[in-house]
Amino acid sequence: MSFSKQQLQKFADLIKIEISDEKLEKMNIDGVVEWLDKLQKIDTKGVEPLLNPSEHDLPMRADVVTDGNIRDKILANSPDKAGVSRGYFAVPKVMDAD
């Protein structure tokens, strides 16, 4: 299977990346597609899926809040003190109501 320069540019547009024309010409996508086709042909019947490459179980701990009720200490780090007295961080407006 061979991809044209236009098809590769369309793929790049769909995945929101910019690729220059000279890089498009150098790309060897056909080799990647052939390799993926070979992977698809491998017989994996009877092979259990691998969910985690590590066979170690992680120790579980109780989900207990240890540093709760420190809102004032956290808000003391705010560079803009406008909202601190009301209990929140003041941030610049990022969207217009157009």
PDB file of N, CA and C in Angstrom:
ATOM      1  N   MET A   1       0.848  -1.168   0.000  1.00  0.00           N
ATOM      2  CA  MET A   1       0.000   0.000   0.000  1.00  0.00           C
ATOM      3  C   MET A   1       0.894   1.232   0.000  1.00  0.00           C
ATOM      4  N   SER A   2       0.610   2.144  -0.882  1.00  0.00           N
ATOM      5  CA  SER A   2       1.413   3.342  -1.000  1.00  0.00           C
ATOM      6  C   SER A   2       0.530   4.566  -0.789  1.00  0.00           C
ATOM      7  N   PHE A   3       1.054   5.527  -0.025  1.00  0.00           N
ATOM      8  CA  PHE A   3       0.310   6.750   0.255  1.00  0.00           C
ATOM      9  C   PHE A   3       0.860   7.893  -0.573  1.00  0.00           C
ATOM     10  N   SER A   4      -0.023   8.699  -1.092  1.00  0.00           N
ATOM     11  CA  SER A   4       0.403   9.881  -1.845  1.00  0.00           C
ATOM     12  C   SER A   4       0.745  11.003  -0.873  1.00  0.00           C
ATOM     13  N   LYS A   5       1.411  12.006  -1.392  1.00  0.00           N
ATOM     14  CA  LYS A   5       1.781  13.164  -0.579  1.00  0.00           C
ATOM     15  C   LYS A   5       0.523  13.853  -0.040  1.00  0.00           C
ATOM     16  N   GLN A   6      -0.529  13.902  -0.851  1.00  0.00           N
ATOM     17  CA  GLN A   6      -1.781  14.538  -0.434  1.00  0.00           C
ATOM     18  C   GLN A   6      -2.443  13.756   0.707  1.00  0.00           C
ATOM     19  N   GLN A   7      -2.397  12.416   0.614  1.00  0.00           N
ATOM     20  CA  GLN A   7      -2.980  11.603   1.682  1.00  0.00           C
ATOM     21  C   GLN A   7      -2.217  11.802   2.992  1.00  0.00           C
ATOM     22  N   LEU A   8      -0.888  11.836   2.910  1.00  0.00           N
ATOM     23  CA  LEU A   8      -0.087  12.048   4.111  1.00  0.00           C
ATOM     24  C   LEU A   8      -0.372  13.418   4.720  1.00  0.00           C
ATOM     25  N   GLN A   9      -0.537  14.432   3.880  1.00  0.00           N
ATOM     26  CA  GLN A   9      -0.853  15.770   4.384  1.00  0.00           C
ATOM     27  C   GLN A   9      -2.224  15.775   5.055  1.00  0.00           C
ATOM     28  N   LYS A  10      -3.178  15.030   4.487  1.00  0.00           N
ATOM     29  CA  LYS A  10      -4.507  14.943   5.095  1.00  0.00           C
ATOM     30  C   LYS A  10      -4.428  14.255   6.456  1.00  0.00           C
ATOM     31  N   PHE A  11      -3.638  13.183   6.564  1.00  0.00           N
ATOM     32  CA  PHE A  11      -3.449  12.510   7.854  1.00  0.00           C
ATOM     33  C   PHE A  11      -2.858  13.481   8.872  1.00  0.00           C
ATOM     34  N   ALA A  12      -1.860  14.236   8.454  1.00  0.00           N
ATOM     35  CA  ALA A  12      -1.216  15.204   9.354  1.00  0.00           C
ATOM     36  C   ALA A  12      -2.225  16.252   9.808  1.00  0.00           C
ATOM     37  N   ASP A  13      -3.071  16.713   8.902  1.00  0.00           N
ATOM     38  CA  ASP A  13      -4.094  17.689   9.264  1.00  0.00           C
ATOM     39  C   ASP A  13      -5.092  17.099  10.253  1.00  0.00           C
ATOM     40  N   LEU A  14      -5.476  15.845  10.051  1.00  0.00           N
ATOM     41  CA  LEU A  14      -6.436  15.204  10.944  1.00  0.00           C
ATOM     42  C   LEU A  14      -5.901  15.037  12.363  1.00  0.00           C
ATOM     43  N   ILE A  15      -4.604  14.774  12.479  1.00  0.00           N
ATOM     44  CA  ILE A  15      -4.035  14.592  13.820  1.00  0.00           C
ATOM     45  C   ILE A  15      -3.382  15.867  14.340  1.00  0.00           C
ATOM     46  N   LYS A  16      -3.638  16.961  13.638  1.00  0.00           N
ATOM     47  CA  LYS A  16      -3.237  18.301  14.080  1.00  0.00           C
ATOM     48  C   LYS A  16      -1.735  18.462  14.258  1.00  0.00           C
ATOM     49  N   ILE A  17      -0.959  17.998  13.278  1.00  0.00           N
ATOM     50  CA  ILE A  17       0.477  18.242  13.289  1.00  0.00           C
ATOM     51  C   ILE A  17       0.872  18.898  11.975  1.00  0.00           C
ATOM     52  N   GLU A  18       1.937  19.682  12.036  1.00  0.00           N
ATOM     53  CA  GLU A  18       2.434  20.329  10.833  1.00  0.00           C
ATOM     54  C   GLU A  18       3.670  19.589  10.344  1.00  0.00           C
ATOM     55  N   ILE A  19       3.658  19.204   9.080  1.00  0.00           N
ATOM     56  CA  ILE A  19       4.795  18.520   8.470  1.00  0.00           C
ATOM     57  C   ILE A  19       5.146  19.270   7.189  1.00  0.00           C
ATOM     58  N   SER A  20       6.404  19.633   7.059  1.00  0.00           N
ATOM     59  CA  SER A  20       6.822  20.359   5.856  1.00  0.00           C
ATOM     60  C   SER A  20       6.788  19.429   4.646  1.00  0.00           C
ATOM     61  N   ASP A  21       6.728  20.038   3.456  1.00  0.00           N
ATOM     62  CA  ASP A  21       6.684  19.259   2.217  1.00  0.00           C
ATOM     63  C   ASP A  21       7.925  18.381   2.064  1.00  0.00           C
ATOM     64  N   GLU A  22       9.090  18.915   2.420  1.00  0.00           N
ATOM     65  CA  GLU A  22      10.315  18.117   2.271  1.00  0.00           C
ATOM     66  C   GLU A  22      10.326  16.922   3.228  1.00  0.00           C
ATOM     67  N   LYS A  23       9.758  17.083   4.426  1.00  0.00           N
ATOM     68  CA  LYS A  23       9.684  15.938   5.342  1.00  0.00           C
ATOM     69  C   LYS A  23       8.675  14.907   4.847  1.00  0.00           C
ATOM     70  N   LEU A  24       7.593  15.382   4.236  1.00  0.00           N
ATOM     71  CA  LEU A  24       6.606  14.447   3.685  1.00  0.00           C
ATOM     72  C   LEU A  24       7.229  13.562   2.618  1.00  0.00           C
ATOM     73  N   GLU A  25       8.094  14.144   1.800  1.00  0.00           N
ATOM     74  CA  GLU A  25       8.724  13.376   0.737  1.00  0.00           C
ATOM     75  C   GLU A  25       9.703  12.336   1.295  1.00  0.00           C
ATOM     76  N   LYS A  26      10.306  12.621   2.450  1.00  0.00           N
ATOM     77  CA  LYS A  26      11.288  11.704   3.038  1.00  0.00           C
ATOM     78  C   LYS A  26      10.633  10.605   3.876  1.00  0.00           C
ATOM     79  N   MET A  27       9.377  10.790   4.243  1.00  0.00           N
ATOM     80  CA  MET A  27       8.716   9.829   5.135  1.00  0.00           C
ATOM     81  C   MET A  27       8.556   8.472   4.462  1.00  0.00           C
ATOM     82  N   ASN A  28       8.806   7.418   5.239  1.00  0.00           N
ATOM     83  CA  ASN A  28       8.655   6.055   4.746  1.00  0.00           C
ATOM     84  C   ASN A  28       7.477   5.401   5.462  1.00  0.00           C
ATOM     85  N   ILE A  29       6.296   5.933   5.221  1.00  0.00           N
ATOM     86  CA  ILE A  29       5.085   5.422   5.859  1.00  0.00           C
ATOM     87  C   ILE A  29       4.769   4.016   5.375  1.00  0.00           C
ATOM     88  N   ASP A  30       5.103   3.724   4.131  1.00  0.00           N
ATOM     89  CA  ASP A  30       4.798   2.403   3.579  1.00  0.00           C
ATOM     90  C   ASP A  30       5.475   1.307   4.391  1.00  0.00           C
ATOM     91  N   GLY A  31       6.694   1.539   4.847  1.00  0.00           N
ATOM     92  CA  GLY A  31       7.398   0.555   5.668  1.00  0.00           C
ATOM     93  C   GLY A  31       6.697   0.327   7.000  1.00  0.00           C
ATOM     94  N   VAL A  32       6.171   1.388   7.573  1.00  0.00           N
ATOM     95  CA  VAL A  32       5.449   1.270   8.850  1.00  0.00           C
ATOM     96  C   VAL A  32       4.163   0.479   8.650  1.00  0.00           C
ATOM     97  N   VAL A  33       3.455   0.755   7.567  1.00  0.00           N
ATOM     98  CA  VAL A  33       2.204   0.040   7.288  1.00  0.00           C
ATOM     99  C   VAL A  33       2.477  -1.442   7.051  1.00  0.00           C
ATOM    100  N   GLU A  34       3.544  -1.762   6.318  1.00  0.00           N
ATOM    101  CA  GLU A  34       3.907  -3.168   6.096  1.00  0.00           C
ATOM    102  C   GLU A  34       4.220  -3.860   7.422  1.00  0.00           C
ATOM    103  N   TRP A  35       4.934  -3.169   8.302  1.00  0.00           N
ATOM    104  CA  TRP A  35       5.277  -3.736   9.611  1.00  0.00           C
ATOM    105  C   TRP A  35       4.016  -3.981  10.430  1.00  0.00           C
ATOM    106  N   LEU A  36       3.062  -3.037  10.391  1.00  0.00           N
ATOM    107  CA  LEU A  36       1.802  -3.212  11.108  1.00  0.00           C
ATOM    108  C   LEU A  36       1.002  -4.377  10.527  1.00  0.00           C
ATOM    109  N   ASP A  37       1.041  -4.554   9.227  1.00  0.00           N
ATOM    110  CA  ASP A  37       0.368  -5.698   8.610  1.00  0.00           C
ATOM    111  C   ASP A  37       0.960  -7.013   9.107  1.00  0.00           C
ATOM    112  N   LYS A  38       2.287  -7.068   9.241  1.00  0.00           N
ATOM    113  CA  LYS A  38       2.930  -8.279   9.770  1.00  0.00           C
ATOM    114  C   LYS A  38       2.479  -8.546  11.198  1.00  0.00           C
ATOM    115  N   LEU A  39       2.364  -7.485  12.002  1.00  0.00           N
ATOM    116  CA  LEU A  39       1.902  -7.660  13.383  1.00  0.00           C
ATOM    117  C   LEU A  39       0.479  -8.200  13.430  1.00  0.00           C
ATOM    118  N   GLN A  40      -0.363  -7.739  12.514  1.00  0.00           N
ATOM    119  CA  GLN A  40      -1.748  -8.190  12.476  1.00  0.00           C
ATOM    120  C   GLN A  40      -1.852  -9.678  12.160  1.00  0.00           C
ATOM    121  N   LYS A  41      -0.875 -10.232  11.447  1.00  0.00           N
ATOM    122  CA  LYS A  41      -0.922 -11.632  11.028  1.00  0.00           C
ATOM    123  C   LYS A  41      -0.396 -12.601  12.086  1.00  0.00           C
ATOM    124  N   ILE A  42       0.166 -12.094  13.175  1.00  0.00           N
ATOM    125  CA  ILE A  42       0.704 -12.971  14.221  1.00  0.00           C
ATOM    126  C   ILE A  42      -0.449 -13.667  14.940  1.00  0.00           C
ATOM    127  N   ASP A  43      -0.314 -14.982  15.108  1.00  0.00           N
ATOM    128  CA  ASP A  43      -1.339 -15.774  15.793  1.00  0.00           C
ATOM    129  C   ASP A  43      -1.191 -15.580  17.299  1.00  0.00           C
ATOM    130  N   THR A  44      -2.198 -14.971  17.924  1.00  0.00           N
ATOM    131  CA  THR A  44      -2.149 -14.712  19.367  1.00  0.00           C
ATOM    132  C   THR A  44      -3.220 -15.492  20.121  1.00  0.00           C
ATOM    133  N   LYS A  45      -3.767 -16.537  19.484  1.00  0.00           N
ATOM    134  CA  LYS A  45      -4.772 -17.344  20.170  1.00  0.00           C
ATOM    135  C   LYS A  45      -4.122 -18.056  21.351  1.00  0.00           C
ATOM    136  N   GLY A  46      -4.789 -18.001  22.488  1.00  0.00           N
ATOM    137  CA  GLY A  46      -4.283 -18.658  23.687  1.00  0.00           C
ATOM    138  C   GLY A  46      -3.288 -17.812  24.473  1.00  0.00           C
ATOM    139  N   VAL A  47      -2.983 -16.623  24.007  1.00  0.00           N
ATOM    140  CA  VAL A  47      -2.063 -15.736  24.721  1.00  0.00           C
ATOM    141  C   VAL A  47      -2.881 -14.781  25.568  1.00  0.00           C
ATOM    142  N   GLU A  48      -2.630 -14.790  26.870  1.00  0.00           N
ATOM    143  CA  GLU A  48      -3.350 -13.898  27.771  1.00  0.00           C
ATOM    144  C   GLU A  48      -2.893 -12.458  27.556  1.00  0.00           C
ATOM    145  N   PRO A  49      -3.821 -11.504  27.573  1.00  0.00           N
ATOM    146  CA  PRO A  49      -3.423 -10.101  27.429  1.00  0.00           C
ATOM    147  C   PRO A  49      -2.555  -9.660  28.602  1.00  0.00           C
ATOM    148  N   LEU A  50      -1.583  -8.838  28.312  1.00  0.00           N
ATOM    149  CA  LEU A  50      -0.694  -8.314  29.344  1.00  0.00           C
ATOM    150  C   LEU A  50      -1.215  -6.949  29.757  1.00  0.00           C
ATOM    151  N   LEU A  51      -1.703  -6.854  30.977  1.00  0.00           N
ATOM    152  CA  LEU A  51      -2.240  -5.598  31.465  1.00  0.00           C
ATOM    153  C   LEU A  51      -1.162  -4.732  32.106  1.00  0.00           C
ATOM    154  N   ASN A  52      -0.144  -5.376  32.648  1.00  0.00           N
ATOM    155  CA  ASN A  52       0.915  -4.642  33.327  1.00  0.00           C
ATOM    156  C   ASN A  52       2.219  -5.403  33.111  1.00  0.00           C
ATOM    157  N   PRO A  53       3.262  -4.751  32.598  1.00  0.00           N
ATOM    158  CA  PRO A  53       4.515  -5.464  32.363  1.00  0.00           C
ATOM    159  C   PRO A  53       5.219  -5.884  33.653  1.00  0.00           C
ATOM    160  N   SER A  54       4.842  -5.285  34.753  1.00  0.00           N
ATOM    161  CA  SER A  54       5.436  -5.624  36.036  1.00  0.00           C
ATOM    162  C   SER A  54       4.548  -6.648  36.742  1.00  0.00           C
ATOM    163  N   GLU A  55       5.142  -7.704  37.221  1.00  0.00           N
ATOM    164  CA  GLU A  55       4.356  -8.737  37.905  1.00  0.00           C
ATOM    165  C   GLU A  55       4.211  -8.456  39.392  1.00  0.00           C
ATOM    166  N   HIS A  56       4.721  -7.328  39.837  1.00  0.00           N
ATOM    167  CA  HIS A  56       4.665  -6.998  41.261  1.00  0.00           C
ATOM    168  C   HIS A  56       3.337  -6.315  41.590  1.00  0.00           C
ATOM    169  N   ASP A  57       2.779  -6.708  42.711  1.00  0.00           N
ATOM    170  CA  ASP A  57       1.584  -6.034  43.199  1.00  0.00           C
ATOM    171  C   ASP A  57       2.010  -4.831  44.024  1.00  0.00           C
ATOM    172  N   LEU A  58       1.368  -3.717  43.787  1.00  0.00           N
ATOM    173  CA  LEU A  58       1.681  -2.530  44.562  1.00  0.00           C
ATOM    174  C   LEU A  58       0.959  -2.585  45.897  1.00  0.00           C
ATOM    175  N   PRO A  59       1.626  -2.159  46.945  1.00  0.00           N
ATOM    176  CA  PRO A  59       0.958  -2.186  48.253  1.00  0.00           C
ATOM    177  C   PRO A  59      -0.178  -1.174  48.292  1.00  0.00           C
ATOM    178  N   MET A  60      -1.266  -1.568  48.884  1.00  0.00           N
ATOM    179  CA  MET A  60      -2.407  -0.674  49.006  1.00  0.00           C
ATOM    180  C   MET A  60      -2.354  -0.001  50.376  1.00  0.00           C
ATOM    181  N   ARG A  61      -2.818   1.223  50.424  1.00  0.00           N
ATOM    182  CA  ARG A  61      -2.892   1.929  51.690  1.00  0.00           C
ATOM    183  C   ARG A  61      -4.296   2.484  51.851  1.00  0.00           C
ATOM    184  N   ALA A  62      -4.623   2.780  53.060  1.00  0.00           N
ATOM    185  CA  ALA A  62      -5.940   3.341  53.327  1.00  0.00           C
ATOM    186  C   ALA A  62      -6.026   4.734  52.721  1.00  0.00           C
ATOM    187  N   ASP A  63      -7.156   5.069  52.166  1.00  0.00           N
ATOM    188  CA  ASP A  63      -7.374   6.384  51.577  1.00  0.00           C
ATOM    189  C   ASP A  63      -7.879   7.320  52.672  1.00  0.00           C
ATOM    190  N   VAL A  64      -6.910   7.912  53.377  1.00  0.00           N
ATOM    191  CA  VAL A  64      -7.227   8.763  54.522  1.00  0.00           C
ATOM    192  C   VAL A  64      -6.679  10.161  54.266  1.00  0.00           C
ATOM    193  N   VAL A  65      -7.477  11.174  54.502  1.00  0.00           N
ATOM    194  CA  VAL A  65      -7.019  12.552  54.357  1.00  0.00           C
ATOM    195  C   VAL A  65      -6.099  12.862  55.529  1.00  0.00           C
ATOM    196  N   THR A  66      -4.865  13.276  55.207  1.00  0.00           N
ATOM    197  CA  THR A  66      -3.907  13.554  56.282  1.00  0.00           C
ATOM    198  C   THR A  66      -3.631  15.041  56.450  1.00  0.00           C
ATOM    199  N   ASP A  67      -3.819  15.832  55.378  1.00  0.00           N
ATOM    200  CA  ASP A  67      -3.522  17.260  55.451  1.00  0.00           C
ATOM    201  C   ASP A  67      -4.774  18.094  55.193  1.00  0.00           C
ATOM    202  N   GLY A  68      -5.900  17.618  55.630  1.00  0.00           N
ATOM    203  CA  GLY A  68      -7.132  18.321  55.340  1.00  0.00           C
ATOM    204  C   GLY A  68      -7.276  19.600  56.144  1.00  0.00           C
ATOM    205  N   ASN A  69      -8.201  20.431  55.703  1.00  0.00           N
ATOM    206  CA  ASN A  69      -8.562  21.662  56.373  1.00  0.00           C
ATOM    207  C   ASN A  69      -7.397  22.649  56.485  1.00  0.00           C
ATOM    208  N   ILE A  70      -6.642  22.810  55.388  1.00  0.00           N
ATOM    209  CA  ILE A  70      -5.530  23.772  55.374  1.00  0.00           C
ATOM    210  C   ILE A  70      -5.731  24.807  54.271  1.00  0.00           C
ATOM    211  N   ARG A  71      -6.988  25.141  54.012  1.00  0.00           N
ATOM    212  CA  ARG A  71      -7.304  26.079  52.950  1.00  0.00           C
ATOM    213  C   ARG A  71      -6.565  27.404  53.111  1.00  0.00           C
ATOM    214  N   ASP A  72      -6.520  27.937  54.319  1.00  0.00           N
ATOM    215  CA  ASP A  72      -5.869  29.232  54.531  1.00  0.00           C
ATOM    216  C   ASP A  72      -4.379  29.179  54.219  1.00  0.00           C
ATOM    217  N   LYS A  73      -3.716  28.076  54.550  1.00  0.00           N
ATOM    218  CA  LYS A  73      -2.285  27.937  54.236  1.00  0.00           C
ATOM    219  C   LYS A  73      -2.065  27.890  52.725  1.00  0.00           C
ATOM    220  N   ILE A  74      -2.953  27.207  52.024  1.00  0.00           N
ATOM    221  CA  ILE A  74      -2.825  27.111  50.569  1.00  0.00           C
ATOM    222  C   ILE A  74      -3.076  28.468  49.927  1.00  0.00           C
ATOM    223  N   LEU A  75      -4.129  29.158  50.365  1.00  0.00           N
ATOM    224  CA  LEU A  75      -4.454  30.461  49.791  1.00  0.00           C
ATOM    225  C   LEU A  75      -3.405  31.519  50.112  1.00  0.00           C
ATOM    226  N   ALA A  76      -2.615  31.322  51.139  1.00  0.00           N
ATOM    227  CA  ALA A  76      -1.550  32.270  51.481  1.00  0.00           C
ATOM    228  C   ALA A  76      -0.489  32.331  50.384  1.00  0.00           C
ATOM    229  N   ASN A  77      -0.405  31.304  49.544  1.00  0.00           N
ATOM    230  CA  ASN A  77       0.570  31.273  48.450  1.00  0.00           C
ATOM    231  C   ASN A  77       0.088  32.015  47.211  1.00  0.00           C
ATOM    232  N   SER A  78      -1.121  32.518  47.215  1.00  0.00           N
ATOM    233  CA  SER A  78      -1.689  33.175  46.048  1.00  0.00           C
ATOM    234  C   SER A  78      -0.992  34.505  45.782  1.00  0.00           C
ATOM    235  N   PRO A  79      -0.549  34.731  44.528  1.00  0.00           N
ATOM    236  CA  PRO A  79       0.066  36.024  44.219  1.00  0.00           C
ATOM    237  C   PRO A  79      -0.962  37.157  44.159  1.00  0.00           C
ATOM    238  N   ASP A  80      -2.203  36.836  43.865  1.00  0.00           N
ATOM    239  CA  ASP A  80      -3.262  37.834  43.780  1.00  0.00           C
ATOM    240  C   ASP A  80      -4.186  37.633  44.973  1.00  0.00           C
ATOM    241  N   LYS A  81      -4.172  38.563  45.881  1.00  0.00           N
ATOM    242  CA  LYS A  81      -4.923  38.409  47.139  1.00  0.00           C
ATOM    243  C   LYS A  81      -6.397  38.806  47.015  1.00  0.00           C
ATOM    244  N   ALA A  82      -6.868  39.128  45.803  1.00  0.00           N
ATOM    245  CA  ALA A  82      -8.239  39.623  45.622  1.00  0.00           C
ATOM    246  C   ALA A  82      -9.294  38.632  46.097  1.00  0.00           C
ATOM    247  N   GLY A  83      -9.099  37.357  45.847  1.00  0.00           N
ATOM    248  CA  GLY A  83     -10.130  36.388  46.214  1.00  0.00           C
ATOM    249  C   GLY A  83      -9.862  35.656  47.505  1.00  0.00           C
ATOM    250  N   VAL A  84      -8.693  35.863  48.109  1.00  0.00           N
ATOM    251  CA  VAL A  84      -8.299  35.100  49.300  1.00  0.00           C
ATOM    252  C   VAL A  84      -9.273  35.304  50.438  1.00  0.00           C
ATOM    253  N   SER A  85      -9.750  36.529  50.647  1.00  0.00           N
ATOM    254  CA  SER A  85     -10.666  36.789  51.761  1.00  0.00           C
ATOM    255  C   SER A  85     -11.984  36.048  51.585  1.00  0.00           C
ATOM    256  N   ARG A  86     -12.323  35.709  50.331  1.00  0.00           N
ATOM    257  CA  ARG A  86     -13.562  34.956  50.072  1.00  0.00           C
ATOM    258  C   ARG A  86     -13.315  33.461  49.950  1.00  0.00           C
ATOM    259  N   GLY A  87     -12.037  33.024  50.024  1.00  0.00           N
ATOM    260  CA  GLY A  87     -11.737  31.603  50.025  1.00  0.00           C
ATOM    261  C   GLY A  87     -11.471  30.994  48.660  1.00  0.00           C
ATOM    262  N   TYR A  88     -11.022  31.798  47.686  1.00  0.00           N
ATOM    263  CA  TYR A  88     -10.703  31.230  46.382  1.00  0.00           C
ATOM    264  C   TYR A  88      -9.532  31.981  45.768  1.00  0.00           C
ATOM    265  N   PHE A  89      -8.934  31.375  44.721  1.00  0.00           N
ATOM    266  CA  PHE A  89      -7.876  32.012  43.954  1.00  0.00           C
ATOM    267  C   PHE A  89      -8.513  32.908  42.901  1.00  0.00           C
ATOM    268  N   ALA A  90      -7.990  34.098  42.732  1.00  0.00           N
ATOM    269  CA  ALA A  90      -8.433  34.991  41.659  1.00  0.00           C
ATOM    270  C   ALA A  90      -7.524  34.751  40.460  1.00  0.00           C
ATOM    271  N   VAL A  91      -8.123  34.526  39.302  1.00  0.00           N
ATOM    272  CA  VAL A  91      -7.338  34.276  38.087  1.00  0.00           C
ATOM    273  C   VAL A  91      -7.815  35.237  37.003  1.00  0.00           C
ATOM    274  N   PRO A  92      -6.956  35.524  36.023  1.00  0.00           N
ATOM    275  CA  PRO A  92      -7.381  36.400  34.934  1.00  0.00           C
ATOM    276  C   PRO A  92      -8.481  35.768  34.089  1.00  0.00           C
ATOM    277  N   LYS A  93      -9.328  36.608  33.537  1.00  0.00           N
ATOM    278  CA  LYS A  93     -10.396  36.144  32.657  1.00  0.00           C
ATOM    279  C   LYS A  93      -9.777  35.575  31.395  1.00  0.00           C
ATOM    280  N   VAL A  94     -10.226  34.386  30.972  1.00  0.00           N
ATOM    281  CA  VAL A  94      -9.646  33.744  29.801  1.00  0.00           C
ATOM    282  C   VAL A  94     -10.616  33.642  28.629  1.00  0.00           C
ATOM    283  N   MET A  95     -11.872  33.888  28.846  1.00  0.00           N
ATOM    284  CA  MET A  95     -12.854  33.790  27.763  1.00  0.00           C
ATOM    285  C   MET A  95     -13.754  35.015  27.788  1.00  0.00           C
ATOM    286  N   ASP A  96     -14.153  35.450  26.613  1.00  0.00           N
ATOM    287  CA  ASP A  96     -15.113  36.545  26.495  1.00  0.00           C
ATOM    288  C   ASP A  96     -16.514  35.965  26.363  1.00  0.00           C
ATOM    289  N   ALA A  97     -17.485  36.735  26.719  1.00  0.00           N
ATOM    290  CA  ALA A  97     -18.889  36.281  26.650  1.00  0.00           C
ATOM    291  C   ALA A  97     -19.531  36.698  25.347  1.00  0.00           C
ATOM    292  N   ASP A  98     -18.821  36.590  24.225  1.00  0.00           N
ATOM    293  CA  ASP A  98     -19.362  37.009  22.927  1.00  0.00           C
ATOM    294  C   ASP A  98     -20.420  36.086  22.464  1.00  0.00           C
TER     295      ASP A  98
END
